[in-house]
Amino acid sequence: MDDTRTLPQGADGGEGSRTADQQYRKAADELARRADSLQKALEAERDVENYRDEYDRTKPRRVH
């Protein structure tokens, strides 16, 4: 988010700037996607732990 480009005066700066709005929305969307992914990963981990015994009982045994 460190945009060091300079815009021509009056091009898109100040309060209510479109550039700032776009940057904010992009960052908010990225955060929402990461938070959703994190939540899904935590749920999957919890499911693995909750059903580990059942999985161990039903998985095929390997013969060496």
N, C-alpha and C. Protein backbone atom coordinates (compact mmCIF):
# COMPACT_ATOMS: atom_id res chain seq x y z
N MET A 1 0.81 -1.19 0.00
CA MET A 1 0.00 0.00 0.00
C MET A 1 0.85 1.25 0.00
N ASP A 2 2.13 1.10 -0.15
CA ASP A 2 3.01 2.25 -0.09
C ASP A 2 3.18 2.82 -1.49
N ASP A 3 2.22 3.65 -1.91
CA ASP A 3 2.22 4.22 -3.25
C ASP A 3 2.95 5.56 -3.21
N THR A 4 4.13 5.59 -3.79
CA THR A 4 4.94 6.82 -3.72
C THR A 4 4.83 7.65 -4.99
N ARG A 5 3.98 7.22 -5.94
CA ARG A 5 3.80 8.01 -7.16
C ARG A 5 3.16 9.34 -6.82
N THR A 6 3.49 10.34 -7.58
CA THR A 6 2.87 11.65 -7.36
C THR A 6 1.89 11.92 -8.49
N LEU A 7 0.78 12.51 -8.14
CA LEU A 7 -0.23 12.85 -9.12
C LEU A 7 -0.13 14.33 -9.45
N PRO A 8 -0.50 14.69 -10.66
CA PRO A 8 -0.53 16.12 -10.98
C PRO A 8 -1.51 16.83 -10.06
N GLN A 9 -1.22 18.08 -9.76
CA GLN A 9 -2.06 18.84 -8.84
C GLN A 9 -3.51 18.85 -9.30
N GLY A 10 -4.41 18.52 -8.39
CA GLY A 10 -5.83 18.52 -8.69
C GLY A 10 -6.30 17.29 -9.44
N ALA A 11 -5.41 16.36 -9.73
CA ALA A 11 -5.79 15.20 -10.52
C ALA A 11 -6.71 14.26 -9.75
N ASP A 12 -6.40 13.99 -8.50
CA ASP A 12 -7.21 13.03 -7.76
C ASP A 12 -6.79 13.04 -6.30
N GLY A 13 -6.61 14.15 -5.71
CA GLY A 13 -6.14 14.18 -4.34
C GLY A 13 -7.14 14.82 -3.40
N GLY A 14 -6.80 14.80 -2.13
CA GLY A 14 -7.65 15.44 -1.13
C GLY A 14 -8.70 14.51 -0.58
N GLU A 15 -9.59 15.09 0.20
CA GLU A 15 -10.66 14.29 0.79
C GLU A 15 -11.56 13.75 -0.30
N GLY A 16 -11.96 12.51 -0.12
CA GLY A 16 -12.85 11.88 -1.09
C GLY A 16 -12.13 11.48 -2.37
N SER A 17 -10.83 11.33 -2.31
CA SER A 17 -10.10 11.00 -3.54
C SER A 17 -10.44 9.59 -4.00
N ARG A 18 -10.55 9.45 -5.29
CA ARG A 18 -10.87 8.15 -5.87
C ARG A 18 -9.73 7.17 -5.65
N THR A 19 -8.50 7.64 -5.75
CA THR A 19 -7.35 6.76 -5.56
C THR A 19 -7.33 6.20 -4.14
N ALA A 20 -7.54 7.06 -3.16
CA ALA A 20 -7.55 6.59 -1.77
C ALA A 20 -8.69 5.60 -1.55
N ASP A 21 -9.84 5.86 -2.15
CA ASP A 21 -10.98 4.97 -2.02
C ASP A 21 -10.66 3.61 -2.64
N GLN A 22 -10.05 3.61 -3.82
CA GLN A 22 -9.70 2.35 -4.47
C GLN A 22 -8.68 1.57 -3.64
N GLN A 23 -7.69 2.26 -3.09
CA GLN A 23 -6.68 1.59 -2.28
C GLN A 23 -7.30 1.01 -1.02
N TYR A 24 -8.19 1.76 -0.40
CA TYR A 24 -8.86 1.29 0.81
C TYR A 24 -9.71 0.04 0.51
N ARG A 25 -10.48 0.11 -0.56
CA ARG A 25 -11.35 -1.01 -0.92
C ARG A 25 -10.54 -2.26 -1.27
N LYS A 26 -9.44 -2.05 -1.97
CA LYS A 26 -8.58 -3.19 -2.32
C LYS A 26 -8.02 -3.84 -1.06
N ALA A 27 -7.52 -3.02 -0.13
CA ALA A 27 -6.97 -3.55 1.12
C ALA A 27 -8.05 -4.25 1.95
N ALA A 28 -9.24 -3.67 1.99
CA ALA A 28 -10.34 -4.28 2.75
C ALA A 28 -10.75 -5.61 2.14
N ASP A 29 -10.80 -5.68 0.81
CA ASP A 29 -11.15 -6.95 0.14
C ASP A 29 -10.09 -8.02 0.43
N GLU A 30 -8.82 -7.64 0.36
CA GLU A 30 -7.75 -8.59 0.63
C GLU A 30 -7.83 -9.11 2.07
N LEU A 31 -8.09 -8.21 3.00
CA LEU A 31 -8.22 -8.61 4.40
C LEU A 31 -9.39 -9.57 4.58
N ALA A 32 -10.50 -9.27 3.94
CA ALA A 32 -11.68 -10.14 4.05
C ALA A 32 -11.38 -11.52 3.48
N ARG A 33 -10.68 -11.57 2.36
CA ARG A 33 -10.34 -12.87 1.76
C ARG A 33 -9.42 -13.66 2.68
N ARG A 34 -8.41 -13.00 3.25
CA ARG A 34 -7.48 -13.69 4.14
C ARG A 34 -8.19 -14.15 5.40
N ALA A 35 -9.05 -13.32 5.96
CA ALA A 35 -9.77 -13.69 7.17
C ALA A 35 -10.68 -14.88 6.90
N ASP A 36 -11.33 -14.89 5.73
CA ASP A 36 -12.19 -16.00 5.38
C ASP A 36 -11.37 -17.28 5.22
N SER A 37 -10.21 -17.17 4.59
CA SER A 37 -9.34 -18.33 4.41
C SER A 37 -8.85 -18.85 5.76
N LEU A 38 -8.50 -17.94 6.64
CA LEU A 38 -8.04 -18.33 7.96
C LEU A 38 -9.15 -19.05 8.71
N GLN A 39 -10.36 -18.53 8.62
CA GLN A 39 -11.50 -19.17 9.29
C GLN A 39 -11.72 -20.57 8.75
N LYS A 40 -11.65 -20.72 7.43
CA LYS A 40 -11.85 -22.04 6.82
C LYS A 40 -10.75 -23.01 7.26
N ALA A 41 -9.52 -22.52 7.35
CA ALA A 41 -8.41 -23.38 7.78
C ALA A 41 -8.60 -23.82 9.23
N LEU A 42 -9.04 -22.93 10.08
CA LEU A 42 -9.28 -23.29 11.48
C LEU A 42 -10.41 -24.32 11.59
N GLU A 43 -11.46 -24.14 10.80
CA GLU A 43 -12.56 -25.10 10.82
C GLU A 43 -12.09 -26.48 10.34
N ALA A 44 -11.27 -26.50 9.30
CA ALA A 44 -10.75 -27.78 8.79
C ALA A 44 -9.87 -28.45 9.82
N GLU A 45 -9.04 -27.68 10.48
CA GLU A 45 -8.17 -28.24 11.52
C GLU A 45 -9.01 -28.83 12.65
N ARG A 46 -10.05 -28.13 13.05
CA ARG A 46 -10.93 -28.62 14.11
C ARG A 46 -11.62 -29.92 13.68
N ASP A 47 -12.07 -29.98 12.42
CA ASP A 47 -12.70 -31.19 11.92
C ASP A 47 -11.73 -32.36 11.94
N VAL A 48 -10.51 -32.13 11.54
CA VAL A 48 -9.50 -33.20 11.54
C VAL A 48 -9.32 -33.73 12.95
N GLU A 49 -9.19 -32.84 13.90
CA GLU A 49 -9.01 -33.27 15.28
C GLU A 49 -10.24 -34.01 15.81
N ASN A 50 -11.43 -33.53 15.49
CA ASN A 50 -12.66 -34.14 15.99
C ASN A 50 -12.91 -35.52 15.39
N TYR A 51 -12.47 -35.75 14.16
CA TYR A 51 -12.76 -37.01 13.49
C TYR A 51 -11.53 -37.88 13.28
N ARG A 52 -10.45 -37.59 13.97
CA ARG A 52 -9.21 -38.35 13.79
C ARG A 52 -9.41 -39.84 14.11
N ASP A 53 -10.09 -40.15 15.22
CA ASP A 53 -10.30 -41.55 15.59
C ASP A 53 -11.11 -42.29 14.53
N GLU A 54 -12.14 -41.64 14.02
CA GLU A 54 -12.97 -42.26 12.99
C GLU A 54 -12.14 -42.50 11.72
N TYR A 55 -11.32 -41.55 11.35
CA TYR A 55 -10.47 -41.71 10.17
C TYR A 55 -9.49 -42.86 10.37
N ASP A 56 -8.88 -42.90 11.54
CA ASP A 56 -7.90 -43.96 11.81
C ASP A 56 -8.53 -45.35 11.73
N ARG A 57 -9.79 -45.46 12.14
CA ARG A 57 -10.47 -46.76 12.10
C ARG A 57 -10.84 -47.18 10.68
N THR A 58 -11.11 -46.23 9.81
CA THR A 58 -11.62 -46.57 8.48
C THR A 58 -10.57 -46.54 7.38
N LYS A 59 -9.41 -45.97 7.64
CA LYS A 59 -8.43 -45.88 6.55
C LYS A 59 -7.83 -47.26 6.28
N PRO A 60 -7.52 -47.52 5.03
CA PRO A 60 -6.93 -48.81 4.66
C PRO A 60 -5.54 -48.95 5.26
N ARG A 61 -5.23 -50.15 5.68
CA ARG A 61 -3.90 -50.44 6.25
C ARG A 61 -2.93 -50.76 5.13
N ARG A 62 -1.75 -50.24 5.20
CA ARG A 62 -0.72 -50.53 4.20
C ARG A 62 0.04 -51.77 4.62
N VAL A 63 0.27 -52.63 3.65
CA VAL A 63 1.05 -53.83 3.88
C VAL A 63 2.41 -53.61 3.26
N HIS A 64 3.45 -53.80 4.05
CA HIS A 64 4.83 -53.56 3.54
C HIS A 64 5.46 -54.83 3.09
